[in-house]
Amino acid sequence: MARFIVYLEPAEEGGYIASVPALPGCVTQGETKEEALAMAEDAIRGYIESLKKHGEPLPFGCKECSR
């Protein structure tokens, strides 16, 4: 899988929000940093699968995503 930068921010209600700047709208959350990162990985996979399914272009530099 390609590598993406994931930003973690503390959520006001507790836990962490994970966002992926290279994938607009790809945001998730988790109770711990580890859970938020795992959720981000799952969200990235889903985002890429959706792009492929709908014939949308893959993010710049995402050659590994097409495997």
Foldseek 3Di string as FASTA:
>chain_A
DDDFDWDWDADPVAWIKIDTVQQPPQIDTDRYPVRNVVVSVVSVLVSLVVCVVVVHDDGPPVPVSVD
